[in-house]
Amino acid sequence: MNISFIGAGNVASNLGGLFVKSGYLVKYGTPRPNGDQLSVAEACEWGDIVCFAIPYFAMDEVLTTNKSRLKGKIVIDITNAINPEDWSPIFLGDDSSGEQTARLLPESKVVKAFNTIFADVMTTEKQSIGGHKLTALIASDDSEAAGIIKTLADNIGFEGMIVGGIKNARYLEAIAHLNIAIATAGRGTDTGFAYLQRKS
């Protein structure tokens, strides 16, 4: 399975590293490719799964430009609507980046996932805290795509958890905002959420 990232920052490189360690093929697409990087258009064409780890403000243009290239593919929206200067949230009301992505790409299988996990804990050494795997929350209107991403999350060391349709992306993004608020208040980014359920 080919997995491409649009973006090559900390989230993309760390999450991509986990995919590679689990045997997946990964390439990165950037506006100004270096080394073995692809262009954004090439990365959208190449990946069976295309992960967007770019600033929220860039999503509309990039998705619109590459809409035809993403047709029929699983698209993972990892973005959070934040101000890059101070990580403060951009409130989208009764909406979310995930839902916006789904509206822009009606012929793609849009999944919101991995946005609640800091890049710092996207490593094999830090995925588990206190014996608990960090939870990778997943929202999508395409149940098959959600299942594929849950398997992917499980395979790379997280605890994948499907939480319903893409409308729930707004709650995943709120969790990410809370995570950021806690981190910037002094707890740092070597942290994460784990959903615990008692077995009956």
Protein backbone atom coordinates (compact mmCIF):
# COMPACT_ATOMS: atom_id res chain seq x y z
CA MET A 1 0.00 0.00 0.00
CA ASN A 2 1.39 3.39 -1.00
CA ILE A 3 0.92 6.20 1.51
CA SER A 4 1.77 9.74 0.54
CA PHE A 5 1.95 12.81 2.72
CA ILE A 6 1.25 16.31 1.61
CA GLY A 7 3.67 18.13 3.87
CA ALA A 8 6.97 17.04 5.35
CA GLY A 9 6.98 18.60 8.81
CA ASN A 10 7.21 16.86 12.17
CA VAL A 11 3.80 15.18 12.01
CA ALA A 12 4.34 13.92 8.47
CA SER A 13 7.89 12.73 9.06
CA ASN A 14 7.21 11.04 12.40
CA LEU A 15 3.94 9.42 11.37
CA GLY A 16 5.44 8.45 8.05
CA GLY A 17 8.35 6.87 9.90
CA LEU A 18 5.92 4.67 11.83
CA PHE A 19 4.29 3.60 8.57
CA VAL A 20 7.67 2.71 7.06
CA LYS A 21 8.64 0.65 10.12
CA SER A 22 5.40 -1.29 9.68
CA GLY A 23 6.21 -2.10 6.05
CA TYR A 24 4.26 0.56 4.16
CA LEU A 25 5.70 2.54 1.26
CA VAL A 26 5.77 6.28 2.00
CA LYS A 27 6.56 9.36 -0.07
CA TYR A 28 6.26 13.06 0.68
CA GLY A 29 4.91 15.84 -1.50
CA THR A 30 5.90 19.47 -0.98
CA PRO A 31 5.57 22.71 -2.95
CA ARG A 32 9.36 22.83 -3.42
CA PRO A 33 10.55 19.21 -3.48
CA ASN A 34 14.01 18.33 -2.13
CA GLY A 35 15.86 15.07 -2.63
CA ASP A 36 13.41 12.22 -3.12
CA GLN A 37 10.36 14.34 -2.33
CA LEU A 38 7.59 14.60 -4.89
CA SER A 39 5.58 17.60 -5.97
CA VAL A 40 2.19 17.94 -4.30
CA ALA A 41 0.46 16.85 -7.52
CA GLU A 42 2.74 13.81 -7.89
CA ALA A 43 2.15 12.76 -4.27
CA CYS A 44 -1.62 13.03 -4.73
CA GLU A 45 -1.33 10.77 -7.80
CA TRP A 46 1.07 8.27 -6.21
CA GLY A 47 -0.61 7.45 -2.90
CA ASP A 48 -3.40 4.94 -2.39
CA ILE A 49 -3.87 6.82 0.86
CA VAL A 50 -3.06 10.53 0.86
CA CYS A 51 -2.43 12.21 4.22
CA PHE A 52 -2.71 15.97 4.58
CA ALA A 53 -0.39 17.37 7.26
CA ILE A 54 -0.25 21.00 6.18
CA PRO A 55 -1.50 24.24 7.74
CA TYR A 56 -5.27 24.59 7.82
CA PHE A 57 -5.11 27.81 5.79
CA ALA A 58 -3.52 25.95 2.86
CA MET A 59 -6.09 23.17 2.63
CA ASP A 60 -8.73 24.83 0.45
CA GLU A 61 -6.37 25.70 -2.40
CA VAL A 62 -4.43 22.42 -2.31
CA LEU A 63 -7.55 20.26 -2.19
CA THR A 64 -9.31 22.21 -4.93
CA THR A 65 -6.26 22.08 -7.20
CA ASN A 66 -5.83 18.32 -6.75
CA LYS A 67 -9.47 17.27 -6.55
CA SER A 68 -9.36 15.07 -9.66
CA ARG A 69 -6.12 13.40 -8.56
CA LEU A 70 -7.71 12.44 -5.23
CA LYS A 71 -10.88 10.97 -6.73
CA GLY A 72 -11.69 7.55 -5.25
CA LYS A 73 -8.77 7.64 -2.81
CA ILE A 74 -8.68 7.58 0.97
CA VAL A 75 -7.78 11.08 2.11
CA ILE A 76 -6.71 11.53 5.74
CA ASP A 77 -7.18 15.03 7.11
CA ILE A 78 -4.70 15.45 9.97
CA THR A 79 -5.04 19.22 10.16
CA ASN A 80 -6.26 21.37 13.02
CA ALA A 81 -7.56 24.90 12.59
CA ILE A 82 -5.02 26.85 14.63
CA ASN A 83 -3.15 30.13 14.41
CA PRO A 84 0.46 29.13 13.62
CA GLU A 85 1.90 32.02 15.63
CA ASP A 86 0.64 30.85 19.02
CA TRP A 87 -1.27 27.58 18.44
CA SER A 88 -4.52 29.27 19.49
CA PRO A 89 -7.69 27.70 18.07
CA ILE A 90 -9.66 29.03 15.15
CA PHE A 91 -13.29 28.37 16.03
CA LEU A 92 -15.27 27.03 13.09
CA GLY A 93 -18.65 26.92 14.84
CA ASP A 94 -20.83 24.03 13.69
CA ASP A 95 -18.16 22.90 11.26
CA SER A 96 -14.66 21.40 11.16
CA SER A 97 -11.68 21.06 8.89
CA GLY A 98 -12.65 17.43 8.34
CA GLU A 99 -16.14 18.33 7.19
CA GLN A 100 -14.77 21.07 4.94
CA THR A 101 -12.38 18.56 3.37
CA ALA A 102 -15.25 16.13 2.78
CA ARG A 103 -17.31 18.84 1.06
CA LEU A 104 -14.38 19.83 -1.16
CA LEU A 105 -13.70 16.18 -2.09
CA PRO A 106 -17.13 14.54 -2.56
CA GLU A 107 -15.62 11.76 -4.70
CA SER A 108 -12.88 10.88 -2.20
CA LYS A 109 -13.10 8.80 0.96
CA VAL A 110 -12.32 11.42 3.58
CA VAL A 111 -11.18 10.34 7.03
CA LYS A 112 -10.31 12.51 10.01
CA ALA A 113 -7.56 10.83 12.00
CA PHE A 114 -4.25 11.31 13.86
CA ASN A 115 -4.97 15.01 14.51
CA THR A 116 -5.34 14.43 18.27
CA ILE A 117 -1.81 13.00 18.59
CA PHE A 118 1.26 15.20 18.97
CA ALA A 119 4.20 14.61 16.65
CA ASP A 120 6.42 14.11 19.71
CA VAL A 121 4.63 10.87 20.59
CA MET A 122 4.48 9.54 17.04
CA THR A 123 7.48 7.32 17.73
CA THR A 124 7.74 3.70 18.77
CA GLU A 125 9.39 4.74 22.04
CA LYS A 126 6.57 7.08 23.11
CA GLN A 127 3.34 5.63 21.73
CA SER A 128 2.49 4.00 25.03
CA ILE A 129 2.24 5.87 28.33
CA GLY A 130 1.85 4.05 31.61
CA GLY A 131 1.19 0.81 29.77
CA HIS A 132 -1.65 2.33 27.74
CA LYS A 133 -1.48 2.84 23.98
CA LEU A 134 -2.46 6.30 22.79
CA THR A 135 -5.84 6.34 21.06
CA ALA A 136 -6.09 7.30 17.41
CA LEU A 137 -9.63 8.61 16.98
CA ILE A 138 -11.12 8.13 13.51
CA ALA A 139 -14.18 9.77 11.92
CA SER A 140 -15.51 9.12 8.42
CA ASP A 141 -18.76 8.69 6.51
CA ASP A 142 -17.10 5.82 4.62
CA SER A 143 -17.12 2.83 6.96
CA GLU A 144 -14.74 0.80 4.78
CA ALA A 145 -12.18 3.60 4.70
CA ALA A 146 -12.54 4.10 8.46
CA GLY A 147 -11.87 0.40 8.99
CA ILE A 148 -8.76 0.52 6.82
CA ILE A 149 -7.39 3.47 8.80
CA LYS A 150 -8.20 1.76 12.09
CA THR A 151 -6.18 -1.26 10.95
CA LEU A 152 -3.41 1.08 9.88
CA ALA A 153 -3.42 2.85 13.27
CA ASP A 154 -3.35 -0.48 15.10
CA ASN A 155 -0.53 -1.81 12.92
CA ILE A 156 1.73 1.16 13.69
CA GLY A 157 1.24 0.94 17.45
CA PHE A 158 -1.76 3.10 18.34
CA GLU A 159 -5.20 1.97 19.50
CA GLY A 160 -7.48 2.85 16.61
CA MET A 161 -11.03 3.82 17.51
CA ILE A 162 -13.78 4.67 15.02
CA VAL A 163 -16.12 7.28 16.48
CA GLY A 164 -18.71 7.71 13.75
CA GLY A 165 -19.21 9.94 10.74
CA ILE A 166 -17.19 12.89 9.51
CA LYS A 167 -19.48 15.25 11.46
CA ASN A 168 -17.65 14.05 14.56
CA ALA A 169 -14.44 15.55 13.17
CA ARG A 170 -15.50 18.72 14.99
CA TYR A 171 -15.14 16.86 18.30
CA LEU A 172 -11.79 15.38 17.31
CA GLU A 173 -10.59 18.86 16.50
CA ALA A 174 -11.91 20.14 19.83
CA ILE A 175 -9.93 17.39 21.58
CA ALA A 176 -6.86 18.53 19.66
CA HIS A 177 -7.45 22.13 20.78
CA LEU A 178 -7.72 20.94 24.38
CA ASN A 179 -4.54 18.90 24.02
CA ILE A 180 -2.73 21.98 22.70
CA ALA A 181 -4.13 24.18 25.49
CA ILE A 182 -2.89 21.74 28.13
CA ALA A 183 0.50 21.50 26.44
CA THR A 184 1.01 25.25 26.17
CA ALA A 185 -0.03 25.69 29.81
CA GLY A 186 3.07 23.76 30.83
CA ARG A 187 2.44 20.04 30.36
CA GLY A 188 4.38 19.86 27.10
CA THR A 189 3.86 17.62 24.09
CA ASP A 190 5.16 14.29 25.42
CA THR A 191 1.53 13.58 26.27
CA GLY A 192 -1.62 12.12 24.78
CA PHE A 193 -5.12 10.79 25.29
CA ALA A 194 -6.07 7.15 25.78
CA TYR A 195 -9.69 5.97 25.79
CA LEU A 196 -10.10 3.27 28.45
CA GLN A 197 -13.07 0.92 28.54
CA ARG A 198 -13.71 -1.59 31.28
CA LYS A 199 -14.31 -5.07 29.92
CA SER A 200 -17.50 -6.63 31.28
